[in-house]
């Protein structure tokens, strides 16, 4: 499967979960203890906003702090949908052949797209289980992400980007294995 297509599908999967947030669900807890639903969506919207200038070749310094703080405003669903559309459009022809200037150094755009794909997948799961929507992720994207993440997991864990691996039963689904690798308990619920 094509990385660009899987990236777009992962963005769409997250957007679908945002549209499913009930009006009273924005303060619900998520598997990410530091964020409620609104904080989690704001985090992903921030990443989507960053993707646009970074895929276009901007540096962190050039972007500055314009995506700090609350990005959702009074219309979190509408704002998230607009940010998702812009993030998908940022991956235009030739974007994956570029170099992206990240905080830890210059990185191939393909690697950055994989990082974003992973974040959209895992946070779509976080959002789904927090709000009671369908947590089933795109199976092809899960498989692609899991293959990539095998080598990335130690670095993610050392940097503190993810918590300790959660052991899942033998024979667990690929999705549960990926969720566990990202430090989430596949059986998590807000109750």
Protein backbone atom coordinates (compact mmCIF):
# COMPACT_ATOMS: atom_id res chain seq x y z
CA UNK A 1 0.00 0.00 0.00
CA UNK A 2 1.07 3.53 -0.77
CA UNK A 3 2.28 5.64 2.21
CA UNK A 4 0.51 8.74 0.95
CA UNK A 5 -2.81 6.88 0.78
CA UNK A 6 -2.35 5.34 4.24
CA UNK A 7 -1.45 8.76 5.68
CA UNK A 8 -4.65 10.24 4.25
CA UNK A 9 -6.72 7.33 5.55
CA UNK A 10 -5.22 7.73 9.02
CA UNK A 11 -6.13 11.43 9.01
CA UNK A 12 -9.66 10.52 7.89
CA UNK A 13 -9.92 7.89 10.63
CA UNK A 14 -9.07 10.44 13.29
CA UNK A 15 -11.48 12.98 11.76
CA UNK A 16 -14.26 10.41 11.83
CA UNK A 17 -13.74 9.96 15.58
CA UNK A 18 -13.76 13.74 16.12
CA UNK A 19 -17.14 13.99 14.39
CA UNK A 20 -18.43 11.26 16.74
CA UNK A 21 -17.56 13.14 19.96
CA UNK A 22 -20.85 13.80 21.74
CA UNK A 23 -21.53 17.42 22.76
CA UNK A 24 -20.91 16.53 26.41
CA UNK A 25 -17.86 14.36 25.66
CA UNK A 26 -15.13 17.00 25.32
CA UNK A 27 -14.03 16.77 28.96
CA UNK A 28 -14.00 12.95 29.09
CA UNK A 29 -10.74 11.28 30.13
CA UNK A 30 -8.56 9.54 27.54
CA UNK A 31 -5.88 6.84 27.75
CA UNK A 32 -3.41 9.77 27.64
CA UNK A 33 -3.66 10.81 31.29
CA UNK A 34 -2.43 14.34 30.56
CA UNK A 35 -5.28 15.04 28.11
CA UNK A 36 -9.04 14.99 28.17
CA UNK A 37 -10.82 14.59 24.81
CA UNK A 38 -10.52 18.29 23.95
CA UNK A 39 -6.80 18.32 24.85
CA UNK A 40 -6.18 15.22 22.74
CA UNK A 41 -7.97 16.67 19.72
CA UNK A 42 -6.14 19.98 20.19
CA UNK A 43 -2.82 18.09 20.21
CA UNK A 44 -3.58 16.34 16.90
CA UNK A 45 -4.93 19.55 15.33
CA UNK A 46 -1.65 21.19 16.35
CA UNK A 47 0.30 18.44 14.58
CA UNK A 48 -1.88 18.83 11.51
CA UNK A 49 -1.28 22.59 11.49
CA UNK A 50 2.49 22.00 11.80
CA UNK A 51 2.45 19.48 8.93
CA UNK A 52 1.46 22.11 6.38
CA UNK A 53 4.52 24.40 6.68
CA UNK A 54 6.92 21.55 7.52
CA UNK A 55 6.02 19.52 4.42
CA UNK A 56 6.47 22.79 2.47
CA UNK A 57 10.05 23.13 3.77
CA UNK A 58 9.69 25.59 6.68
CA UNK A 59 11.90 25.30 9.74
CA UNK A 60 10.73 25.11 13.35
CA UNK A 61 12.03 28.64 13.90
CA UNK A 62 10.09 29.94 10.91
CA UNK A 63 6.86 28.42 12.22
CA UNK A 64 7.51 29.79 15.69
CA UNK A 65 4.79 29.60 18.32
CA UNK A 66 1.75 30.24 16.11
CA UNK A 67 0.31 26.80 16.87
CA UNK A 68 0.64 27.01 20.66
CA UNK A 69 -2.36 27.06 22.96
CA UNK A 70 -6.00 26.33 22.22
CA UNK A 71 -6.46 25.84 18.50
CA UNK A 72 -10.03 24.54 18.65
CA UNK A 73 -11.90 27.66 19.70
CA UNK A 74 -15.69 27.53 19.87
CA UNK A 75 -16.05 25.03 17.00
CA UNK A 76 -13.76 22.10 17.78
CA UNK A 77 -15.30 19.76 15.20
CA UNK A 78 -15.22 22.32 12.39
CA UNK A 79 -11.70 23.41 13.26
CA UNK A 80 -10.48 19.81 13.39
CA UNK A 81 -12.06 19.02 10.02
CA UNK A 82 -10.44 22.07 8.41
CA UNK A 83 -7.03 21.18 9.90
CA UNK A 84 -7.36 17.59 8.66
CA UNK A 85 -8.15 18.76 5.12
CA UNK A 86 -5.11 21.05 5.15
CA UNK A 87 -2.87 18.27 6.52
CA UNK A 88 -3.96 15.91 3.75
CA UNK A 89 -3.47 18.61 1.10
CA UNK A 90 0.05 19.26 2.43
CA UNK A 91 1.11 15.88 1.10
CA UNK A 92 0.98 17.06 -2.49
CA UNK A 93 2.97 15.77 -5.42
CA UNK A 94 6.63 15.55 -4.54
CA UNK A 95 6.21 16.22 -0.81
CA UNK A 96 7.44 12.77 0.20
CA UNK A 97 10.69 13.34 -1.68
CA UNK A 98 11.59 16.37 0.39
CA UNK A 99 13.49 16.88 3.62
CA UNK A 100 11.51 18.06 6.64
CA UNK A 101 13.20 20.24 9.26
CA UNK A 102 12.14 18.82 12.63
CA UNK A 103 13.21 19.79 16.13
CA UNK A 104 15.67 16.87 16.27
CA UNK A 105 17.14 17.52 12.82
CA UNK A 106 16.54 17.17 9.13
CA UNK A 107 14.40 14.15 8.36
CA UNK A 108 13.12 12.54 5.17
CA UNK A 109 9.49 13.52 4.59
CA UNK A 110 8.58 9.84 4.37
CA UNK A 111 9.72 9.37 7.97
CA UNK A 112 7.72 12.40 9.11
CA UNK A 113 4.64 11.08 7.28
CA UNK A 114 5.06 7.73 9.08
CA UNK A 115 5.28 9.51 12.43
CA UNK A 116 2.08 11.40 11.65
CA UNK A 117 0.37 8.24 10.42
CA UNK A 118 1.22 6.54 13.71
CA UNK A 119 0.01 9.49 15.75
CA UNK A 120 -3.29 9.67 13.87
CA UNK A 121 -3.86 5.93 14.28
CA UNK A 122 -3.06 5.74 17.96
CA UNK A 123 -4.90 8.94 18.85
CA UNK A 124 -7.92 7.78 16.80
CA UNK A 125 -7.99 4.73 19.05
CA UNK A 126 -7.56 6.93 22.15
CA UNK A 127 -10.42 9.14 21.06
CA UNK A 128 -12.69 6.22 20.15
CA UNK A 129 -12.32 4.43 23.48
CA UNK A 130 -12.68 7.71 25.38
CA UNK A 131 -15.97 8.57 23.67
CA UNK A 132 -17.46 5.14 23.06
CA UNK A 133 -17.15 5.15 19.28
CA UNK A 134 -15.82 2.30 17.17
CA UNK A 135 -12.12 1.78 18.03
CA UNK A 136 -11.44 -0.44 15.00
CA UNK A 137 -8.54 1.04 13.02
CA UNK A 138 -7.68 0.66 9.35
CA UNK A 139 -6.09 -2.80 9.26
CA UNK A 140 -3.68 -2.00 6.42
CA UNK A 141 -2.51 1.16 8.15
CA UNK A 142 -2.05 -0.75 11.41
CA UNK A 143 0.08 -3.39 9.68
CA UNK A 144 2.18 -0.78 7.86
CA UNK A 145 2.65 1.24 11.04
CA UNK A 146 3.54 -1.83 13.11
CA UNK A 147 6.26 -2.85 10.66
CA UNK A 148 7.76 0.66 10.80
CA UNK A 149 7.36 1.00 14.57
CA UNK A 150 9.31 -2.17 15.38
CA UNK A 151 12.57 -0.28 14.84
CA UNK A 152 11.27 3.03 16.22
CA UNK A 153 9.81 1.77 19.50
CA UNK A 154 13.01 1.92 21.60
CA UNK A 155 13.70 5.53 20.56
CA UNK A 156 10.10 6.57 21.24
CA UNK A 157 10.27 4.99 24.68
CA UNK A 158 13.69 6.53 25.54
CA UNK A 159 12.45 9.98 24.56
CA UNK A 160 9.39 9.65 26.78
CA UNK A 161 7.01 9.95 23.82
CA UNK A 162 5.27 6.73 24.89
CA UNK A 163 4.84 4.88 28.15
CA UNK A 164 5.95 1.36 28.98
CA UNK A 165 4.85 -1.36 26.60
CA UNK A 166 1.63 -3.07 27.68
CA UNK A 167 1.79 -6.82 27.31
CA UNK A 168 -1.10 -8.27 25.34
CA UNK A 169 -2.17 -11.92 25.28
CA UNK A 170 -0.63 -14.31 22.78
CA UNK A 171 -2.69 -14.23 19.63
CA UNK A 172 -3.89 -10.67 20.20
CA UNK A 173 -4.97 -8.76 17.11
CA UNK A 174 -2.44 -6.67 15.22
CA UNK A 175 -4.30 -3.59 16.42
CA UNK A 176 -4.07 -4.62 20.09
CA UNK A 177 -0.39 -5.43 19.64
CA UNK A 178 0.24 -1.96 18.16
CA UNK A 179 -1.79 -0.22 20.88
CA UNK A 180 0.18 -2.14 23.51
CA UNK A 181 3.49 -1.23 21.84
CA UNK A 182 2.47 2.42 22.15
CA UNK A 183 1.95 1.96 25.90
CA UNK A 184 -1.81 1.62 25.94
CA UNK A 185 -3.92 -1.11 27.45
CA UNK A 186 -6.28 -2.40 24.73
CA UNK A 187 -8.88 -2.99 27.47
CA UNK A 188 -8.82 0.65 28.66
CA UNK A 189 -12.15 2.32 29.31
CA UNK A 190 -13.04 5.68 30.87
CA UNK A 191 -15.00 4.07 33.70
